[in-house]
C-alpha cells in the first residue's frame, strides 16, 4: 500500500473540544512542516465544519463533492464555511494538486 500523506492528525486524542472546526490541528501541521499557511491545502467534504479553520488561517481549501456522496447536497451557511474551490472527482483533484505541485505553487 502506498502512503499518500506525510502526517495524519487524530484530533480525537485531544478531546471533543479540539475537533473541527478548532484550529489546533492546523497549527500543528504548520509547525511540524515549517510551512506558511499559503503553502497548504485542506480537502474536505463537509461545509458545516471542514473549512472554517483552514480558511481563517489562509490555507487553500477544496471541497470534494462526489456524485452520490452523503454530504453532496449540503451547502455552506456563509463564505467562511465555504471551500475556495469545489472539485467533483478524485481524478480532477489529483490532476489539480499535481499541477500545483509541479508548478512549485504547493
PDB file of N, CA and C in Angstrom:
ATOM      1  N   UNK A   1       0.843  -1.183   0.000  1.00  0.00           N
ATOM      2  CA  UNK A   1       0.000   0.000   0.000  1.00  0.00           C
ATOM      3  C   UNK A   1       0.885   1.243   0.000  1.00  0.00           C
ATOM      4  N   UNK A   2       0.565   2.201  -0.830  1.00  0.00           N
ATOM      5  CA  UNK A   2       1.318   3.454  -0.930  1.00  0.00           C
ATOM      6  C   UNK A   2       0.833   4.442   0.129  1.00  0.00           C
ATOM      7  N   UNK A   3       1.753   5.178   0.689  1.00  0.00           N
ATOM      8  CA  UNK A   3       1.425   6.237   1.635  1.00  0.00           C
ATOM      9  C   UNK A   3       1.334   7.541   0.841  1.00  0.00           C
ATOM     10  N   UNK A   4       0.204   8.213   0.940  1.00  0.00           N
ATOM     11  CA  UNK A   4      -0.004   9.420   0.155  1.00  0.00           C
ATOM     12  C   UNK A   4       0.103  10.696   0.974  1.00  0.00           C
ATOM     13  N   UNK A   5       0.201  10.564   2.284  1.00  0.00           N
ATOM     14  CA  UNK A   5       0.305  11.743   3.145  1.00  0.00           C
ATOM     15  C   UNK A   5       1.467  11.553   4.109  1.00  0.00           C
ATOM     16  N   UNK A   6       2.034  12.659   4.547  1.00  0.00           N
ATOM     17  CA  UNK A   6       3.147  12.606   5.486  1.00  0.00           C
ATOM     18  C   UNK A   6       2.692  12.598   6.938  1.00  0.00           C
ATOM     19  N   UNK A   7       1.506  13.089   7.176  1.00  0.00           N
ATOM     20  CA  UNK A   7       1.066  13.253   8.568  1.00  0.00           C
ATOM     21  C   UNK A   7      -0.439  13.116   8.647  1.00  0.00           C
ATOM     22  N   UNK A   8      -0.897  12.359   9.623  1.00  0.00           N
ATOM     23  CA  UNK A   8      -2.316  12.263   9.939  1.00  0.00           C
ATOM     24  C   UNK A   8      -2.481  12.763  11.363  1.00  0.00           C
ATOM     25  N   UNK A   9      -3.384  13.692  11.557  1.00  0.00           N
ATOM     26  CA  UNK A   9      -3.633  14.246  12.885  1.00  0.00           C
ATOM     27  C   UNK A   9      -4.995  13.742  13.351  1.00  0.00           C
ATOM     28  N   UNK A  10      -5.010  13.012  14.442  1.00  0.00           N
ATOM     29  CA  UNK A  10      -6.244  12.483  15.013  1.00  0.00           C
ATOM     30  C   UNK A  10      -6.638  13.356  16.203  1.00  0.00           C
ATOM     31  N   UNK A  11      -7.520  14.285  15.948  1.00  0.00           N
ATOM     32  CA  UNK A  11      -7.886  15.251  16.989  1.00  0.00           C
ATOM     33  C   UNK A  11      -8.669  14.622  18.131  1.00  0.00           C
ATOM     34  N   UNK A  12      -9.212  13.456  17.924  1.00  0.00           N
ATOM     35  CA  UNK A  12      -9.972  12.782  18.976  1.00  0.00           C
ATOM     36  C   UNK A  12      -9.112  12.531  20.213  1.00  0.00           C
ATOM     37  N   UNK A  13      -7.806  12.361  20.022  1.00  0.00           N
ATOM     38  CA  UNK A  13      -6.913  12.118  21.158  1.00  0.00           C
ATOM     39  C   UNK A  13      -6.831  13.317  22.101  1.00  0.00           C
ATOM     40  N   UNK A  14      -7.183  14.509  21.609  1.00  0.00           N
ATOM     41  CA  UNK A  14      -7.163  15.721  22.438  1.00  0.00           C
ATOM     42  C   UNK A  14      -8.512  15.994  23.092  1.00  0.00           C
ATOM     43  N   UNK A  15      -9.536  15.299  22.656  1.00  0.00           N
ATOM     44  CA  UNK A  15     -10.878  15.503  23.195  1.00  0.00           C
ATOM     45  C   UNK A  15     -11.747  16.312  22.262  1.00  0.00           C
ATOM     46  N   UNK A  16     -13.070  16.232  22.474  1.00  0.00           N
ATOM     47  CA  UNK A  16     -14.030  16.850  21.551  1.00  0.00           C
ATOM     48  C   UNK A  16     -13.899  18.361  21.411  1.00  0.00           C
ATOM     49  N   UNK A  17     -13.344  19.027  22.400  1.00  0.00           N
ATOM     50  CA  UNK A  17     -13.199  20.483  22.274  1.00  0.00           C
ATOM     51  C   UNK A  17     -12.190  20.874  21.192  1.00  0.00           C
ATOM     52  N   UNK A  18     -11.398  19.898  20.720  1.00  0.00           N
ATOM     53  CA  UNK A  18     -10.412  20.169  19.677  1.00  0.00           C
ATOM     54  C   UNK A  18     -10.793  19.591  18.312  1.00  0.00           C
ATOM     55  N   UNK A  19     -12.005  19.064  18.195  1.00  0.00           N
ATOM     56  CA  UNK A  19     -12.487  18.599  16.897  1.00  0.00           C
ATOM     57  C   UNK A  19     -12.697  19.795  15.986  1.00  0.00           C
ATOM     58  N   UNK A  20     -12.780  19.524  14.679  1.00  0.00           N
ATOM     59  CA  UNK A  20     -13.097  20.604  13.739  1.00  0.00           C
ATOM     60  C   UNK A  20     -14.369  21.288  14.181  1.00  0.00           C
ATOM     61  N   UNK A  21     -14.391  22.581  14.121  1.00  0.00           N
ATOM     62  CA  UNK A  21     -13.501  23.497  13.396  1.00  0.00           C
ATOM     63  C   UNK A  21     -12.379  24.129  14.233  1.00  0.00           C
ATOM     64  N   UNK A  22     -11.988  23.513  15.365  1.00  0.00           N
ATOM     65  CA  UNK A  22     -10.899  24.074  16.175  1.00  0.00           C
ATOM     66  C   UNK A  22      -9.613  24.158  15.348  1.00  0.00           C
ATOM     67  N   UNK A  23      -8.774  25.128  15.628  1.00  0.00           N
ATOM     68  CA  UNK A  23      -7.571  25.382  14.816  1.00  0.00           C
ATOM     69  C   UNK A  23      -6.331  24.597  15.255  1.00  0.00           C
ATOM     70  N   UNK A  24      -6.379  23.905  16.374  1.00  0.00           N
ATOM     71  CA  UNK A  24      -5.176  23.264  16.916  1.00  0.00           C
ATOM     72  C   UNK A  24      -4.487  22.332  15.907  1.00  0.00           C
ATOM     73  N   UNK A  25      -5.220  21.482  15.234  1.00  0.00           N
ATOM     74  CA  UNK A  25      -4.606  20.539  14.289  1.00  0.00           C
ATOM     75  C   UNK A  25      -3.936  21.266  13.128  1.00  0.00           C
ATOM     76  N   UNK A  26      -4.548  22.340  12.666  1.00  0.00           N
ATOM     77  CA  UNK A  26      -3.983  23.105  11.555  1.00  0.00           C
ATOM     78  C   UNK A  26      -2.701  23.814  11.988  1.00  0.00           C
ATOM     79  N   UNK A  27      -2.690  24.333  13.199  1.00  0.00           N
ATOM     80  CA  UNK A  27      -1.481  24.959  13.748  1.00  0.00           C
ATOM     81  C   UNK A  27      -0.358  23.931  13.876  1.00  0.00           C
ATOM     82  N   UNK A  28      -0.698  22.716  14.309  1.00  0.00           N
ATOM     83  CA  UNK A  28       0.291  21.659  14.464  1.00  0.00           C
ATOM     84  C   UNK A  28       0.940  21.296  13.123  1.00  0.00           C
ATOM     85  N   UNK A  29       0.133  21.152  12.092  1.00  0.00           N
ATOM     86  CA  UNK A  29       0.671  20.821  10.765  1.00  0.00           C
ATOM     87  C   UNK A  29       1.597  21.934  10.276  1.00  0.00           C
ATOM     88  N   UNK A  30       1.183  23.172  10.426  1.00  0.00           N
ATOM     89  CA  UNK A  30       2.029  24.303  10.011  1.00  0.00           C
ATOM     90  C   UNK A  30       3.376  24.256  10.726  1.00  0.00           C
ATOM     91  N   UNK A  31       3.351  24.017  12.030  1.00  0.00           N
ATOM     92  CA  UNK A  31       4.583  23.990  12.820  1.00  0.00           C
ATOM     93  C   UNK A  31       5.442  22.782  12.464  1.00  0.00           C
ATOM     94  N   UNK A  32       4.835  21.595  12.368  1.00  0.00           N
ATOM     95  CA  UNK A  32       5.592  20.376  12.063  1.00  0.00           C
ATOM     96  C   UNK A  32       6.274  20.442  10.711  1.00  0.00           C
ATOM     97  N   UNK A  33       5.600  21.017   9.740  1.00  0.00           N
ATOM     98  CA  UNK A  33       6.144  21.079   8.395  1.00  0.00           C
ATOM     99  C   UNK A  33       6.884  22.384   8.109  1.00  0.00           C
ATOM    100  N   UNK A  34       6.893  23.294   9.065  1.00  0.00           N
ATOM    101  CA  UNK A  34       7.526  24.606   8.871  1.00  0.00           C
ATOM    102  C   UNK A  34       7.019  25.265   7.593  1.00  0.00           C
ATOM    103  N   UNK A  35       5.717  25.258   7.427  1.00  0.00           N
ATOM    104  CA  UNK A  35       5.087  25.830   6.238  1.00  0.00           C
ATOM    105  C   UNK A  35       4.280  27.065   6.601  1.00  0.00           C
ATOM    106  N   UNK A  36       4.202  27.960   5.657  1.00  0.00           N
ATOM    107  CA  UNK A  36       3.267  29.064   5.825  1.00  0.00           C
ATOM    108  C   UNK A  36       1.900  28.557   5.375  1.00  0.00           C
ATOM    109  N   UNK A  37       0.841  29.128   5.895  1.00  0.00           N
ATOM    110  CA  UNK A  37      -0.499  28.691   5.515  1.00  0.00           C
ATOM    111  C   UNK A  37      -0.748  28.715   4.010  1.00  0.00           C
ATOM    112  N   UNK A  38      -0.156  29.655   3.309  1.00  0.00           N
ATOM    113  CA  UNK A  38      -0.391  29.756   1.861  1.00  0.00           C
ATOM    114  C   UNK A  38       0.195  28.575   1.083  1.00  0.00           C
ATOM    115  N   UNK A  39       1.029  27.759   1.734  1.00  0.00           N
ATOM    116  CA  UNK A  39       1.624  26.594   1.090  1.00  0.00           C
ATOM    117  C   UNK A  39       0.811  25.316   1.310  1.00  0.00           C
ATOM    118  N   UNK A  40      -0.274  25.417   2.071  1.00  0.00           N
ATOM    119  CA  UNK A  40      -1.003  24.228   2.499  1.00  0.00           C
ATOM    120  C   UNK A  40      -2.397  24.142   1.891  1.00  0.00           C
ATOM    121  N   UNK A  41      -2.852  22.898   1.709  1.00  0.00           N
ATOM    122  CA  UNK A  41      -4.165  22.629   1.121  1.00  0.00           C
ATOM    123  C   UNK A  41      -4.929  21.704   2.055  1.00  0.00           C
ATOM    124  N   UNK A  42      -6.205  22.015   2.248  1.00  0.00           N
ATOM    125  CA  UNK A  42      -7.090  21.137   3.009  1.00  0.00           C
ATOM    126  C   UNK A  42      -8.217  20.691   2.087  1.00  0.00           C
ATOM    127  N   UNK A  43      -8.423  19.376   2.019  1.00  0.00           N
ATOM    128  CA  UNK A  43      -9.504  18.811   1.217  1.00  0.00           C
ATOM    129  C   UNK A  43     -10.517  18.204   2.169  1.00  0.00           C
ATOM    130  N   UNK A  44     -11.774  18.573   2.005  1.00  0.00           N
ATOM    131  CA  UNK A  44     -12.832  18.043   2.842  1.00  0.00           C
ATOM    132  C   UNK A  44     -14.124  17.926   2.070  1.00  0.00           C
ATOM    133  N   UNK A  45     -15.175  17.511   2.791  1.00  0.00           N
ATOM    134  CA  UNK A  45     -16.462  17.341   2.123  1.00  0.00           C
ATOM    135  C   UNK A  45     -17.620  17.971   2.886  1.00  0.00           C
ATOM    136  N   UNK A  46     -17.366  18.489   4.080  1.00  0.00           N
ATOM    137  CA  UNK A  46     -18.455  18.959   4.930  1.00  0.00           C
ATOM    138  C   UNK A  46     -18.325  20.456   5.230  1.00  0.00           C
ATOM    139  N   UNK A  47     -19.109  21.287   4.541  1.00  0.00           N
ATOM    140  CA  UNK A  47     -19.008  22.726   4.783  1.00  0.00           C
ATOM    141  C   UNK A  47     -19.498  23.145   6.167  1.00  0.00           C
ATOM    142  N   UNK A  48     -20.161  22.274   6.883  1.00  0.00           N
ATOM    143  CA  UNK A  48     -20.613  22.616   8.231  1.00  0.00           C
ATOM    144  C   UNK A  48     -19.448  22.706   9.207  1.00  0.00           C
ATOM    145  N   UNK A  49     -18.324  22.025   8.915  1.00  0.00           N
ATOM    146  CA  UNK A  49     -17.215  22.049   9.867  1.00  0.00           C
ATOM    147  C   UNK A  49     -15.816  22.011   9.272  1.00  0.00           C
ATOM    148  N   UNK A  50     -15.685  21.638   8.016  1.00  0.00           N
ATOM    149  CA  UNK A  50     -14.350  21.372   7.472  1.00  0.00           C
ATOM    150  C   UNK A  50     -13.511  22.601   7.130  1.00  0.00           C
ATOM    151  N   UNK A  51     -14.098  23.666   6.670  1.00  0.00           N
ATOM    152  CA  UNK A  51     -13.312  24.720   6.023  1.00  0.00           C
ATOM    153  C   UNK A  51     -13.103  25.995   6.841  1.00  0.00           C
ATOM    154  N   UNK A  52     -13.831  26.156   7.925  1.00  0.00           N
ATOM    155  CA  UNK A  52     -13.741  27.382   8.715  1.00  0.00           C
ATOM    156  C   UNK A  52     -12.321  27.649   9.207  1.00  0.00           C
ATOM    157  N   UNK A  53     -11.711  26.687   9.875  1.00  0.00           N
ATOM    158  CA  UNK A  53     -10.364  26.891  10.440  1.00  0.00           C
ATOM    159  C   UNK A  53      -9.297  27.072   9.364  1.00  0.00           C
ATOM    160  N   UNK A  54      -9.204  26.181   8.367  1.00  0.00           N
ATOM    161  CA  UNK A  54      -8.148  26.400   7.370  1.00  0.00           C
ATOM    162  C   UNK A  54      -8.358  27.670   6.547  1.00  0.00           C
ATOM    163  N   UNK A  55      -9.613  28.042   6.294  1.00  0.00           N
ATOM    164  CA  UNK A  55      -9.862  29.314   5.600  1.00  0.00           C
ATOM    165  C   UNK A  55      -9.334  30.484   6.418  1.00  0.00           C
ATOM    166  N   UNK A  56      -9.614  30.472   7.710  1.00  0.00           N
ATOM    167  CA  UNK A  56      -9.195  31.600   8.555  1.00  0.00           C
ATOM    168  C   UNK A  56      -7.679  31.677   8.690  1.00  0.00           C
ATOM    169  N   UNK A  57      -6.987  30.555   8.452  1.00  0.00           N
ATOM    170  CA  UNK A  57      -5.530  30.524   8.557  1.00  0.00           C
ATOM    171  C   UNK A  57      -4.850  30.827   7.221  1.00  0.00           C
ATOM    172  N   UNK A  58      -5.632  30.873   6.124  1.00  0.00           N
ATOM    173  CA  UNK A  58      -5.050  31.186   4.824  1.00  0.00           C
ATOM    174  C   UNK A  58      -4.681  29.988   3.980  1.00  0.00           C
ATOM    175  N   UNK A  59      -5.146  28.802   4.334  1.00  0.00           N
ATOM    176  CA  UNK A  59      -4.908  27.610   3.530  1.00  0.00           C
ATOM    177  C   UNK A  59      -5.811  27.646   2.299  1.00  0.00           C
ATOM    178  N   UNK A  60      -5.400  26.962   1.256  1.00  0.00           N
ATOM    179  CA  UNK A  60      -6.287  26.715   0.127  1.00  0.00           C
ATOM    180  C   UNK A  60      -7.221  25.595   0.557  1.00  0.00           C
ATOM    181  N   UNK A  61      -8.516  25.807   0.433  1.00  0.00           N
ATOM    182  CA  UNK A  61      -9.483  24.773   0.804  1.00  0.00           C
ATOM    183  C   UNK A  61     -10.216  24.277  -0.426  1.00  0.00           C
ATOM    184  N   UNK A  62     -10.393  22.958  -0.481  1.00  0.00           N
ATOM    185  CA  UNK A  62     -11.046  22.309  -1.615  1.00  0.00           C
ATOM    186  C   UNK A  62     -12.145  21.398  -1.087  1.00  0.00           C
ATOM    187  N   UNK A  63     -13.334  21.609  -1.613  1.00  0.00           N
ATOM    188  CA  UNK A  63     -14.426  20.699  -1.285  1.00  0.00           C
ATOM    189  C   UNK A  63     -14.498  19.625  -2.356  1.00  0.00           C
ATOM    190  N   UNK A  64     -14.396  18.377  -1.928  1.00  0.00           N
ATOM    191  CA  UNK A  64     -14.563  17.245  -2.824  1.00  0.00           C
ATOM    192  C   UNK A  64     -16.038  16.847  -2.753  1.00  0.00           C
ATOM    193  N   UNK A  65     -16.758  17.139  -3.814  1.00  0.00           N
ATOM    194  CA  UNK A  65     -18.209  16.888  -3.865  1.00  0.00           C
ATOM    195  C   UNK A  65     -18.472  15.819  -4.929  1.00  0.00           C
ATOM    196  N   UNK A  66     -18.565  14.581  -4.469  1.00  0.00           N
ATOM    197  CA  UNK A  66     -18.719  13.441  -5.375  1.00  0.00           C
ATOM    198  C   UNK A  66     -20.185  13.067  -5.541  1.00  0.00           C
ATOM    199  N   UNK A  67     -20.516  12.615  -6.733  1.00  0.00           N
ATOM    200  CA  UNK A  67     -21.869  12.131  -7.020  1.00  0.00           C
ATOM    201  C   UNK A  67     -22.212  10.995  -6.056  1.00  0.00           C
ATOM    202  N   UNK A  68     -23.382  11.089  -5.424  1.00  0.00           N
ATOM    203  CA  UNK A  68     -23.838  10.056  -4.505  1.00  0.00           C
ATOM    204  C   UNK A  68     -23.282  10.163  -3.092  1.00  0.00           C
ATOM    205  N   UNK A  69     -22.422  11.112  -2.862  1.00  0.00           N
ATOM    206  CA  UNK A  69     -21.820  11.320  -1.548  1.00  0.00           C
ATOM    207  C   UNK A  69     -22.897  11.749  -0.553  1.00  0.00           C
ATOM    208  N   UNK A  70     -22.780  11.305   0.682  1.00  0.00           N
ATOM    209  CA  UNK A  70     -23.772  11.602   1.712  1.00  0.00           C
ATOM    210  C   UNK A  70     -23.969  13.105   1.906  1.00  0.00           C
ATOM    211  N   UNK A  71     -22.920  13.883   1.840  1.00  0.00           N
ATOM    212  CA  UNK A  71     -22.999  15.329   2.090  1.00  0.00           C
ATOM    213  C   UNK A  71     -23.041  16.155   0.807  1.00  0.00           C
ATOM    214  N   UNK A  72     -23.271  15.508  -0.312  1.00  0.00           N
ATOM    215  CA  UNK A  72     -23.211  16.191  -1.609  1.00  0.00           C
ATOM    216  C   UNK A  72     -24.119  17.407  -1.679  1.00  0.00           C
ATOM    217  N   UNK A  73     -25.316  17.341  -1.136  1.00  0.00           N
ATOM    218  CA  UNK A  73     -26.269  18.445  -1.276  1.00  0.00           C
ATOM    219  C   UNK A  73     -26.160  19.477  -0.153  1.00  0.00           C
ATOM    220  N   UNK A  74     -25.310  19.241   0.832  1.00  0.00           N
ATOM    221  CA  UNK A  74     -25.144  20.195   1.932  1.00  0.00           C
ATOM    222  C   UNK A  74     -24.512  21.485   1.417  1.00  0.00           C
ATOM    223  N   UNK A  75     -25.055  22.612   1.830  1.00  0.00           N
ATOM    224  CA  UNK A  75     -24.494  23.898   1.420  1.00  0.00           C
ATOM    225  C   UNK A  75     -23.919  24.629   2.630  1.00  0.00           C
ATOM    226  N   UNK A  76     -22.981  25.495   2.374  1.00  0.00           N
ATOM    227  CA  UNK A  76     -22.337  26.266   3.433  1.00  0.00           C
ATOM    228  C   UNK A  76     -23.262  27.373   3.920  1.00  0.00           C
ATOM    229  N   UNK A  77     -23.195  27.647   5.216  1.00  0.00           N
ATOM    230  CA  UNK A  77     -24.013  28.710   5.808  1.00  0.00           C
ATOM    231  C   UNK A  77     -23.533  30.101   5.423  1.00  0.00           C
ATOM    232  N   UNK A  78     -22.231  30.239   5.203  1.00  0.00           N
ATOM    233  CA  UNK A  78     -21.658  31.546   4.881  1.00  0.00           C
ATOM    234  C   UNK A  78     -20.316  31.353   4.181  1.00  0.00           C
ATOM    235  N   UNK A  79     -19.703  32.436   3.759  1.00  0.00           N
ATOM    236  CA  UNK A  79     -18.458  32.355   2.987  1.00  0.00           C
ATOM    237  C   UNK A  79     -17.314  31.763   3.817  1.00  0.00           C
ATOM    238  N   UNK A  80     -17.298  31.977   5.126  1.00  0.00           N
ATOM    239  CA  UNK A  80     -16.241  31.424   5.965  1.00  0.00           C
ATOM    240  C   UNK A  80     -16.287  29.899   5.995  1.00  0.00           C
ATOM    241  N   UNK A  81     -17.467  29.332   5.790  1.00  0.00           N
ATOM    242  CA  UNK A  81     -17.652  27.874   5.797  1.00  0.00           C
ATOM    243  C   UNK A  81     -17.456  27.250   4.423  1.00  0.00           C
ATOM    244  N   UNK A  82     -17.325  28.062   3.409  1.00  0.00           N
ATOM    245  CA  UNK A  82     -17.224  27.555   2.037  1.00  0.00           C
ATOM    246  C   UNK A  82     -15.777  27.283   1.660  1.00  0.00           C
ATOM    247  N   UNK A  83     -15.572  26.199   0.938  1.00  0.00           N
ATOM    248  CA  UNK A  83     -14.245  25.939   0.379  1.00  0.00           C
ATOM    249  C   UNK A  83     -13.973  26.938  -0.734  1.00  0.00           C
ATOM    250  N   UNK A  84     -12.722  27.234  -0.978  1.00  0.00           N
ATOM    251  CA  UNK A  84     -12.344  28.164  -2.035  1.00  0.00           C
ATOM    252  C   UNK A  84     -12.554  27.554  -3.418  1.00  0.00           C
ATOM    253  N   UNK A  85     -12.390  26.227  -3.520  1.00  0.00           N
ATOM    254  CA  UNK A  85     -12.598  25.505  -4.767  1.00  0.00           C
ATOM    255  C   UNK A  85     -13.520  24.324  -4.508  1.00  0.00           C
ATOM    256  N   UNK A  86     -14.227  23.921  -5.550  1.00  0.00           N
ATOM    257  CA  UNK A  86     -15.046  22.720  -5.478  1.00  0.00           C
ATOM    258  C   UNK A  86     -14.646  21.808  -6.626  1.00  0.00           C
ATOM    259  N   UNK A  87     -14.389  20.559  -6.299  1.00  0.00           N
ATOM    260  CA  UNK A  87     -13.950  19.576  -7.283  1.00  0.00           C
ATOM    261  C   UNK A  87     -14.877  18.372  -7.182  1.00  0.00           C
ATOM    262  N   UNK A  88     -15.201  17.792  -8.350  1.00  0.00           N
ATOM    263  CA  UNK A  88     -16.228  16.749  -8.395  1.00  0.00           C
ATOM    264  C   UNK A  88     -15.733  15.337  -8.733  1.00  0.00           C
ATOM    265  N   UNK A  89     -14.408  15.126  -8.721  1.00  0.00           N
ATOM    266  CA  UNK A  89     -13.906  13.757  -8.932  1.00  0.00           C
ATOM    267  C   UNK A  89     -12.499  13.641  -8.339  1.00  0.00           C
ATOM    268  N   UNK A  90     -12.133  12.415  -7.994  1.00  0.00           N
ATOM    269  CA  UNK A  90     -10.783  12.156  -7.487  1.00  0.00           C
ATOM    270  C   UNK A  90      -9.757  12.460  -8.573  1.00  0.00           C
ATOM    271  N   UNK A  91     -10.088  12.150  -9.814  1.00  0.00           N
ATOM    272  CA  UNK A  91      -9.173  12.413 -10.922  1.00  0.00           C
ATOM    273  C   UNK A  91      -8.911  13.911 -11.075  1.00  0.00           C
ATOM    274  N   UNK A  92      -9.969  14.715 -10.977  1.00  0.00           N
ATOM    275  CA  UNK A  92      -9.823  16.163 -11.074  1.00  0.00           C
ATOM    276  C   UNK A  92      -8.990  16.700  -9.912  1.00  0.00           C
ATOM    277  N   UNK A  93      -9.226  16.167  -8.715  1.00  0.00           N
ATOM    278  CA  UNK A  93      -8.450  16.582  -7.538  1.00  0.00           C
ATOM    279  C   UNK A  93      -6.980  16.243  -7.728  1.00  0.00           C
ATOM    280  N   UNK A  94      -6.705  15.018  -8.132  1.00  0.00           N
ATOM    281  CA  UNK A  94      -5.330  14.584  -8.350  1.00  0.00           C
ATOM    282  C   UNK A  94      -4.627  15.448  -9.396  1.00  0.00           C
ATOM    283  N   UNK A  95      -5.292  15.680 -10.496  1.00  0.00           N
ATOM    284  CA  UNK A  95      -4.722  16.499 -11.564  1.00  0.00           C
ATOM    285  C   UNK A  95      -4.441  17.923 -11.085  1.00  0.00           C
ATOM    286  N   UNK A  96      -5.381  18.496 -10.357  1.00  0.00           N
ATOM    287  CA  UNK A  96      -5.207  19.852  -9.838  1.00  0.00           C
ATOM    288  C   UNK A  96      -4.006  19.926  -8.901  1.00  0.00           C
ATOM    289  N   UNK A  97      -3.934  19.002  -7.931  1.00  0.00           N
ATOM    290  CA  UNK A  97      -2.855  19.039  -6.948  1.00  0.00           C
ATOM    291  C   UNK A  97      -1.489  18.754  -7.584  1.00  0.00           C
ATOM    292  N   UNK A  98      -1.440  17.799  -8.499  1.00  0.00           N
ATOM    293  CA  UNK A  98      -0.172  17.526  -9.195  1.00  0.00           C
ATOM    294  C   UNK A  98       0.266  18.728 -10.022  1.00  0.00           C
ATOM    295  N   UNK A  99      -0.677  19.389 -10.656  1.00  0.00           N
ATOM    296  CA  UNK A  99      -0.353  20.584 -11.437  1.00  0.00           C
ATOM    297  C   UNK A  99       0.196  21.693 -10.557  1.00  0.00           C
ATOM    298  N   UNK A 100      -0.423  21.900  -9.412  1.00  0.00           N
ATOM    299  CA  UNK A 100       0.064  22.926  -8.476  1.00  0.00           C
ATOM    300  C   UNK A 100       1.465  22.571  -7.969  1.00  0.00           C
ATOM    301  N   UNK A 101       1.646  21.309  -7.608  1.00  0.00           N
ATOM    302  CA  UNK A 101       2.947  20.876  -7.070  1.00  0.00           C
ATOM    303  C   UNK A 101       4.051  20.999  -8.112  1.00  0.00           C
ATOM    304  N   UNK A 102       3.775  20.611  -9.329  1.00  0.00           N
ATOM    305  CA  UNK A 102       4.813  20.672 -10.366  1.00  0.00           C
ATOM    306  C   UNK A 102       5.146  22.097 -10.776  1.00  0.00           C
ATOM    307  N   UNK A 103       4.210  23.014 -10.562  1.00  0.00           N
ATOM    308  CA  UNK A 103       4.489  24.413 -10.880  1.00  0.00           C
ATOM    309  C   UNK A 103       5.163  25.136  -9.719  1.00  0.00           C
ATOM    310  N   UNK A 104       5.358  24.416  -8.617  1.00  0.00           N
ATOM    311  CA  UNK A 104       6.034  24.999  -7.465  1.00  0.00           C
ATOM    312  C   UNK A 104       5.126  25.838  -6.594  1.00  0.00           C
ATOM    313  N   UNK A 105       3.824  25.822  -6.844  1.00  0.00           N
ATOM    314  CA  UNK A 105       2.888  26.615  -6.042  1.00  0.00           C
ATOM    315  C   UNK A 105       2.669  25.942  -4.702  1.00  0.00           C
ATOM    316  N   UNK A 106       2.669  24.623  -4.650  1.00  0.00           N
ATOM    317  CA  UNK A 106       2.473  23.900  -3.385  1.00  0.00           C
ATOM    318  C   UNK A 106       3.754  23.258  -2.956  1.00  0.00           C
TER     319      UNK A 106
END
